[in-house]
């Protein structure tokens, strides 16, 4: 026995004693989730409830807007189409009037603005000429 060190004797004594399993089971909170996880779960549940309330509110608002929609009459659609076509023609004329070489920042901004207006007008004309139905929101008065 003299060959055993003090550490080995302690290990032999601890092997016979089941102190690890008994000490860990003594704690009342053993196996329970930590308190911070419960608070995180509660915050997540509150956020999900808030999202659900927001989506319910948005769907109700969407339903109210759907009730206020009216199809755009053909006469107004053709008038709007003519106005957008005129705007497109003016934007293209403004672009054609600009020089091909532009070296000043103000000319570059003017060209970019004219190109933006032309793109918007082309998109508006394309939407109005398409076969889609357009709706007008009626006033809530």
Protein backbone atom coordinates (compact mmCIF):
# COMPACT_ATOMS: atom_id res chain seq x y z
CA UNK A 1 0.00 0.00 0.00
CA UNK A 2 2.89 2.28 0.39
CA UNK A 3 3.18 2.37 -3.39
CA UNK A 4 -0.13 4.16 -3.68
CA UNK A 5 0.01 7.91 -3.65
CA UNK A 6 -2.39 10.00 -1.67
CA UNK A 7 -4.23 10.95 -4.88
CA UNK A 8 -4.78 7.33 -5.83
CA UNK A 9 -6.13 6.59 -2.35
CA UNK A 10 -8.60 9.45 -2.69
CA UNK A 11 -9.72 8.14 -6.06
CA UNK A 12 -10.25 4.67 -4.62
CA UNK A 13 -12.28 6.13 -1.78
CA UNK A 14 -14.38 8.20 -4.20
CA UNK A 15 -15.07 5.20 -6.44
CA UNK A 16 -16.77 3.44 -3.58
CA UNK A 17 -18.79 6.56 -2.68
CA UNK A 18 -21.54 7.55 -5.10
CA UNK A 19 -21.22 11.18 -4.08
CA UNK A 20 -21.49 12.68 -7.59
CA UNK A 21 -24.91 11.31 -8.41
CA UNK A 22 -26.30 11.97 -4.97
CA UNK A 23 -24.96 15.54 -4.82
CA UNK A 24 -26.36 16.47 -8.22
CA UNK A 25 -29.79 15.14 -7.38
CA UNK A 26 -29.89 17.16 -4.18
CA UNK A 27 -30.49 20.42 -6.08
CA UNK A 28 -34.15 21.24 -6.46
CA UNK A 29 -33.61 22.92 -9.84
CA UNK A 30 -31.70 20.03 -11.37
CA UNK A 31 -32.94 19.43 -14.91
CA UNK A 32 -35.10 22.57 -14.99
CA UNK A 33 -34.39 25.24 -17.62
CA UNK A 34 -32.57 28.32 -16.37
CA UNK A 35 -34.72 31.35 -15.54
CA UNK A 36 -33.30 33.48 -18.36
CA UNK A 37 -34.64 30.99 -20.92
CA UNK A 38 -38.13 31.36 -19.51
CA UNK A 39 -37.91 35.15 -19.88
CA UNK A 40 -36.64 34.79 -23.46
CA UNK A 41 -39.52 32.43 -24.30
CA UNK A 42 -41.97 34.89 -22.79
CA UNK A 43 -40.54 37.75 -24.90
CA UNK A 44 -40.77 35.62 -28.04
CA UNK A 45 -44.39 34.73 -27.24
CA UNK A 46 -45.21 38.43 -26.69
CA UNK A 47 -43.59 39.37 -30.03
CA UNK A 48 -45.56 36.65 -31.84
CA UNK A 49 -48.78 37.86 -30.23
CA UNK A 50 -47.97 41.44 -31.32
CA UNK A 51 -47.31 40.24 -34.88
CA UNK A 52 -50.62 38.38 -34.88
CA UNK A 53 -52.45 41.53 -33.71
CA UNK A 54 -50.70 43.59 -36.41
CA UNK A 55 -51.61 41.11 -39.15
CA UNK A 56 -55.24 41.02 -37.97
CA UNK A 57 -55.31 44.83 -37.98
CA UNK A 58 -53.76 44.94 -41.46
CA UNK A 59 -56.19 42.38 -42.85
CA UNK A 60 -59.13 44.36 -41.47
CA UNK A 61 -57.72 47.53 -43.03
CA UNK A 62 -57.23 45.69 -46.34
CA UNK A 63 -60.85 44.50 -46.28
CA UNK A 64 -62.06 48.05 -45.68
CA UNK A 65 -59.97 49.27 -48.63
CA UNK A 66 -61.37 46.52 -50.84
CA UNK A 67 -64.88 47.70 -50.05
CA UNK A 68 -63.99 51.24 -51.14
CA UNK A 69 -62.58 50.19 -54.55
CA UNK A 70 -64.43 50.93 -57.76
CA UNK A 71 -63.43 49.93 -61.31
CA UNK A 72 -61.96 52.76 -63.40
CA UNK A 73 -64.40 53.76 -66.17
CA UNK A 74 -63.15 53.35 -69.73
CA UNK A 75 -63.49 57.07 -70.46
CA UNK A 76 -61.24 57.99 -67.50
CA UNK A 77 -58.80 55.25 -68.43
CA UNK A 78 -58.46 56.57 -71.98
CA UNK A 79 -58.05 60.14 -70.68
CA UNK A 80 -55.31 59.01 -68.28
CA UNK A 81 -53.64 57.04 -71.06
CA UNK A 82 -53.63 60.12 -73.31
CA UNK A 83 -52.14 62.24 -70.51
CA UNK A 84 -49.38 59.70 -69.87
CA UNK A 85 -48.68 59.38 -73.60
CA UNK A 86 -48.33 63.19 -73.80
CA UNK A 87 -45.99 63.15 -70.81
CA UNK A 88 -43.92 60.42 -72.47
CA UNK A 89 -43.72 62.39 -75.73
CA UNK A 90 -42.57 65.51 -73.84
CA UNK A 91 -39.95 63.52 -71.94
CA UNK A 92 -38.61 61.99 -75.15
CA UNK A 93 -38.51 65.42 -76.78
CA UNK A 94 -36.57 66.79 -73.81
CA UNK A 95 -34.11 63.91 -74.09
CA UNK A 96 -33.69 64.50 -77.84
CA UNK A 97 -32.99 68.19 -77.22
CA UNK A 98 -30.10 67.43 -74.89
CA UNK A 99 -26.61 67.24 -76.39
CA UNK A 100 -25.04 63.82 -76.82
CA UNK A 101 -21.89 64.86 -75.02
CA UNK A 102 -22.52 66.24 -71.59
CA UNK A 103 -19.60 67.37 -69.55
CA UNK A 104 -21.08 69.46 -66.77
CA UNK A 105 -22.75 68.07 -63.66
CA UNK A 106 -25.89 70.14 -64.27
CA UNK A 107 -26.30 68.67 -67.77
CA UNK A 108 -25.79 65.18 -66.36
CA UNK A 109 -28.50 65.78 -63.73
CA UNK A 110 -30.82 67.19 -66.39
CA UNK A 111 -30.31 64.12 -68.58
CA UNK A 112 -30.80 61.73 -65.65
CA UNK A 113 -34.01 63.53 -64.63
CA UNK A 114 -35.34 63.41 -68.21
CA UNK A 115 -34.51 59.70 -68.46
CA UNK A 116 -36.24 59.02 -65.13
CA UNK A 117 -39.39 60.85 -66.25
CA UNK A 118 -39.37 58.96 -69.56
CA UNK A 119 -39.02 55.59 -67.77
CA UNK A 120 -41.89 56.42 -65.40
CA UNK A 121 -44.11 57.56 -68.27
CA UNK A 122 -43.33 54.42 -70.28
CA UNK A 123 -44.22 52.27 -67.25
CA UNK A 124 -47.49 54.17 -66.72
CA UNK A 125 -48.49 53.81 -70.37
CA UNK A 126 -47.59 50.10 -70.31
CA UNK A 127 -49.75 49.55 -67.22
CA UNK A 128 -52.72 51.41 -68.69
CA UNK A 129 -52.51 49.68 -72.06
CA UNK A 130 -52.36 46.24 -70.42
CA UNK A 131 -55.49 44.16 -70.06
CA UNK A 132 -55.56 44.54 -66.29
CA UNK A 133 -58.51 46.06 -64.52
CA UNK A 134 -57.76 49.30 -62.71
CA UNK A 135 -59.55 50.36 -59.57
CA UNK A 136 -60.08 53.76 -58.02
CA UNK A 137 -60.30 54.23 -54.26
CA UNK A 138 -63.53 55.97 -53.38
CA UNK A 139 -63.41 58.70 -50.79
CA UNK A 140 -64.62 57.75 -47.33
CA UNK A 141 -66.80 60.84 -47.03
